[in-house]
Amino acid sequence: MSIPQVFVAGLGNLPFPVTRHSLGQLVIDALADRLGIRMVSGRKGFTGTGIVSIGETPVSLTLFKSKSFMNVSGPSIAEAYRSAVKFPTSMIVLQDSLSHKVEQVSARLGGSHNGHNGIKSIIAALGGEQRFYRFRLGIGEAGSTDASAYVLGKLSSHERQFWNNEGVDLVLEEIEKVALKVNAR
């Protein structure tokens, strides 16, 4: 049995590293730290690769953070994806989600961008391809606060602690499920 190849991109804006909107990139850093993957700066983003064990599953894992702002990060993510894996179902995008409770991970294969401009940019850069995984990382609802102000707000110390520990555990469980499906192909 071959080792499954999985590509994981974290959405965010590098100049705003600990905001709710950059949660995907924060989790990429936490994954790299947890798995001992060194992230290297390239022209279009930061990439790290390694063969790691996730649960009981060996995985050839590529992590990526775009240097482009989230809403236009699709081309750099698509380029990195194409150099890492062969099939869209081997790609996972970590995105913030106002529609999910704080500290919740919801994994889904395919679907529309659902109003998320980062996902919209990726779908456009992939020529309309939508059959990749979205791991929606819950940031909760904005409530009476303006949504853009809310997502650009800083994560609380509790939220940062969660996503660097238990949140990474949840994400790793979902990555292992994807890797097992990739391997079954």
Protein backbone atom coordinates (compact mmCIF):
# COMPACT_ATOMS: atom_id res chain seq x y z
CA MET A 1 0.00 0.00 0.00
CA SER A 2 1.36 3.42 -0.96
CA ILE A 3 1.64 6.43 1.31
CA PRO A 4 -1.23 8.88 0.65
CA GLN A 5 -0.26 12.37 -0.47
CA VAL A 6 -2.25 15.19 1.11
CA PHE A 7 -1.95 18.95 0.56
CA VAL A 8 -3.26 21.32 3.25
CA ALA A 9 -3.55 25.08 2.66
CA GLY A 10 -4.45 27.49 5.44
CA LEU A 11 -6.37 30.62 4.51
CA GLY A 12 -5.48 33.91 6.12
CA ASN A 13 -3.72 37.22 5.72
CA LEU A 14 -0.05 37.16 6.78
CA PRO A 15 -0.05 40.81 7.95
CA PHE A 16 -2.87 39.93 10.41
CA PRO A 17 -1.60 36.67 11.95
CA VAL A 18 -3.73 36.13 15.06
CA THR A 19 -7.10 37.30 13.78
CA ARG A 20 -10.14 35.10 13.32
CA HIS A 21 -9.80 35.57 9.54
CA SER A 22 -6.26 34.12 9.61
CA LEU A 23 -7.20 31.08 11.69
CA GLY A 24 -6.37 28.72 8.80
CA GLN A 25 -2.78 29.95 8.73
CA LEU A 26 -2.48 29.78 12.52
CA VAL A 27 -3.53 26.11 12.36
CA ILE A 28 -0.98 25.45 9.57
CA ASP A 29 1.74 26.77 11.90
CA ALA A 30 0.40 24.62 14.75
CA LEU A 31 0.36 21.52 12.49
CA ALA A 32 3.93 22.20 11.34
CA ASP A 33 5.05 22.59 14.95
CA ARG A 34 3.23 19.47 16.13
CA LEU A 35 4.44 17.29 13.23
CA GLY A 36 8.01 18.63 13.06
CA ILE A 37 7.58 20.05 9.54
CA ARG A 38 9.81 23.02 8.73
CA MET A 39 8.07 25.77 6.79
CA VAL A 40 10.23 27.41 4.10
CA SER A 41 9.56 30.78 2.50
CA GLY A 42 9.14 30.81 -1.26
CA ARG A 43 8.09 33.47 -3.73
CA LYS A 44 4.35 32.83 -3.35
CA GLY A 45 4.09 31.38 0.12
CA PHE A 46 5.44 29.22 2.91
CA THR A 47 5.63 25.47 2.24
CA GLY A 48 6.55 22.53 4.41
CA THR A 49 6.62 18.85 3.49
CA GLY A 50 7.27 15.63 5.30
CA ILE A 51 6.26 12.04 5.72
CA VAL A 52 4.50 11.96 9.07
CA SER A 53 2.30 9.62 11.07
CA ILE A 54 -1.19 10.91 11.67
CA GLY A 55 -2.87 8.51 14.04
CA GLU A 56 -1.93 5.12 12.65
CA THR A 57 -1.56 6.41 9.09
CA PRO A 58 1.71 7.42 7.39
CA VAL A 59 1.04 10.47 5.20
CA SER A 60 3.14 12.45 2.74
CA LEU A 61 1.94 15.86 3.88
CA THR A 62 2.46 19.28 2.30
CA LEU A 63 1.45 22.37 4.27
CA PHE A 64 1.05 25.77 2.59
CA LYS A 65 0.38 29.39 3.57
CA SER A 66 -0.02 31.91 0.75
CA LYS A 67 1.72 35.29 0.88
CA SER A 68 -1.22 36.76 -1.07
CA PHE A 69 -4.16 38.28 0.73
CA MET A 70 -6.85 35.68 1.29
CA ASN A 71 -9.36 37.02 -1.23
CA VAL A 72 -6.80 36.66 -4.06
CA SER A 73 -4.83 33.67 -2.76
CA GLY A 74 -6.39 31.16 -5.18
CA PRO A 75 -3.67 31.29 -7.87
CA SER A 76 -0.80 30.71 -5.40
CA ILE A 77 -2.71 27.93 -3.61
CA ALA A 78 -3.62 26.27 -6.93
CA GLU A 79 0.01 26.38 -8.07
CA ALA A 80 1.28 24.86 -4.81
CA TYR A 81 -1.48 22.22 -4.90
CA ARG A 82 -0.61 21.19 -8.46
CA SER A 83 3.04 20.69 -7.56
CA ALA A 84 2.16 18.61 -4.46
CA VAL A 85 -0.71 16.25 -5.34
CA LYS A 86 -2.53 14.87 -8.37
CA PHE A 87 -6.20 14.93 -7.39
CA PRO A 88 -8.41 17.70 -5.98
CA THR A 89 -9.75 15.23 -3.39
CA SER A 90 -6.20 15.19 -1.93
CA MET A 91 -6.45 18.92 -1.11
CA ILE A 92 -7.71 20.34 2.18
CA VAL A 93 -8.32 24.04 2.74
CA LEU A 94 -8.50 25.34 6.32
CA GLN A 95 -10.88 28.30 6.47
CA ASP A 96 -12.52 30.40 9.16
CA SER A 97 -16.29 30.00 9.42
CA LEU A 98 -18.83 32.37 10.92
CA SER A 99 -21.46 29.64 10.44
CA HIS A 100 -19.84 27.26 12.92
CA LYS A 101 -19.56 27.45 16.69
CA VAL A 102 -16.27 28.58 18.19
CA GLU A 103 -13.79 25.69 18.51
CA GLN A 104 -15.66 23.43 16.08
CA VAL A 105 -14.21 21.72 12.98
CA SER A 106 -16.55 20.80 10.15
CA ALA A 107 -15.03 18.80 7.27
CA ARG A 108 -16.76 18.74 3.91
CA LEU A 109 -15.86 17.60 0.41
CA GLY A 110 -16.94 19.93 -2.37
CA GLY A 111 -19.71 22.46 -2.52
CA SER A 112 -19.92 26.13 -3.35
CA HIS A 113 -17.80 28.90 -1.86
CA ASN A 114 -20.77 29.80 0.39
CA GLY A 115 -19.80 33.47 0.33
CA HIS A 116 -16.19 32.90 1.46
CA ASN A 117 -13.98 34.97 -0.85
CA GLY A 118 -10.86 32.86 -0.18
CA ILE A 119 -12.68 29.70 -1.30
CA LYS A 120 -14.16 31.60 -4.25
CA SER A 121 -10.62 32.58 -5.35
CA ILE A 122 -9.41 28.97 -5.11
CA ILE A 123 -12.35 27.61 -7.11
CA ALA A 124 -11.73 30.24 -9.81
CA ALA A 125 -7.99 29.43 -9.91
CA LEU A 126 -8.83 25.72 -10.28
CA GLY A 127 -11.06 26.46 -13.28
CA GLY A 128 -14.28 25.84 -11.38
CA GLU A 129 -13.11 22.66 -9.63
CA GLN A 130 -14.93 22.27 -6.31
CA ARG A 131 -14.08 18.68 -5.28
CA PHE A 132 -11.59 19.55 -2.56
CA TYR A 133 -12.04 19.38 1.18
CA ARG A 134 -12.97 22.41 3.26
CA PHE A 135 -12.25 22.22 6.95
CA ARG A 136 -14.39 24.99 8.36
CA LEU A 137 -12.90 26.20 11.62
CA GLY A 138 -15.60 27.74 13.76
CA ILE A 139 -15.13 31.33 14.88
CA GLY A 140 -18.75 31.85 15.93
CA GLU A 141 -21.20 34.49 14.80
CA ALA A 142 -20.42 38.19 14.78
CA GLY A 143 -23.65 38.98 16.63
CA SER A 144 -24.32 42.72 16.62
CA THR A 145 -20.70 43.45 15.60
CA ASP A 146 -19.94 44.23 11.96
CA ALA A 147 -18.86 40.90 10.37
CA SER A 148 -15.68 42.31 8.79
CA ALA A 149 -14.63 43.92 12.07
CA TYR A 150 -15.37 40.66 13.88
CA VAL A 151 -13.31 38.42 11.57
CA LEU A 152 -10.41 40.90 11.64
CA GLY A 153 -10.53 40.93 15.44
CA LYS A 154 -7.80 39.19 17.42
CA LEU A 155 -8.33 35.66 18.67
CA SER A 156 -8.58 35.50 22.45
CA SER A 157 -5.75 33.80 24.35
CA HIS A 158 -8.18 30.94 25.05
CA GLU A 159 -8.95 30.54 21.32
CA ARG A 160 -5.24 30.59 20.42
CA GLN A 161 -4.54 28.00 23.12
CA PHE A 162 -7.40 25.81 21.84
CA TRP A 163 -6.34 25.91 18.17
CA ASN A 164 -2.71 25.18 19.07
CA ASN A 165 -3.72 22.10 21.09
CA GLU A 166 -7.17 20.48 21.03
CA GLY A 167 -8.06 22.17 17.74
CA VAL A 168 -5.00 20.66 16.07
CA ASP A 169 -6.06 17.26 17.41
CA LEU A 170 -9.48 17.69 15.75
CA VAL A 171 -7.90 18.80 12.47
CA LEU A 172 -5.46 15.85 12.53
CA GLU A 173 -8.35 13.39 13.03
CA GLU A 174 -10.03 14.81 9.93
CA ILE A 175 -6.78 14.81 7.91
CA GLU A 176 -6.34 11.12 8.75
CA LYS A 177 -9.86 10.38 7.43
CA VAL A 178 -9.02 12.19 4.17
CA ALA A 179 -5.68 10.35 3.89
CA LEU A 180 -7.42 6.97 4.29
CA LYS A 181 -9.88 7.91 1.50
CA VAL A 182 -6.99 9.08 -0.72
CA ASN A 183 -5.22 5.76 -0.11
CA ALA A 184 -8.37 3.77 -0.93
CA ARG A 185 -8.46 5.33 -4.41
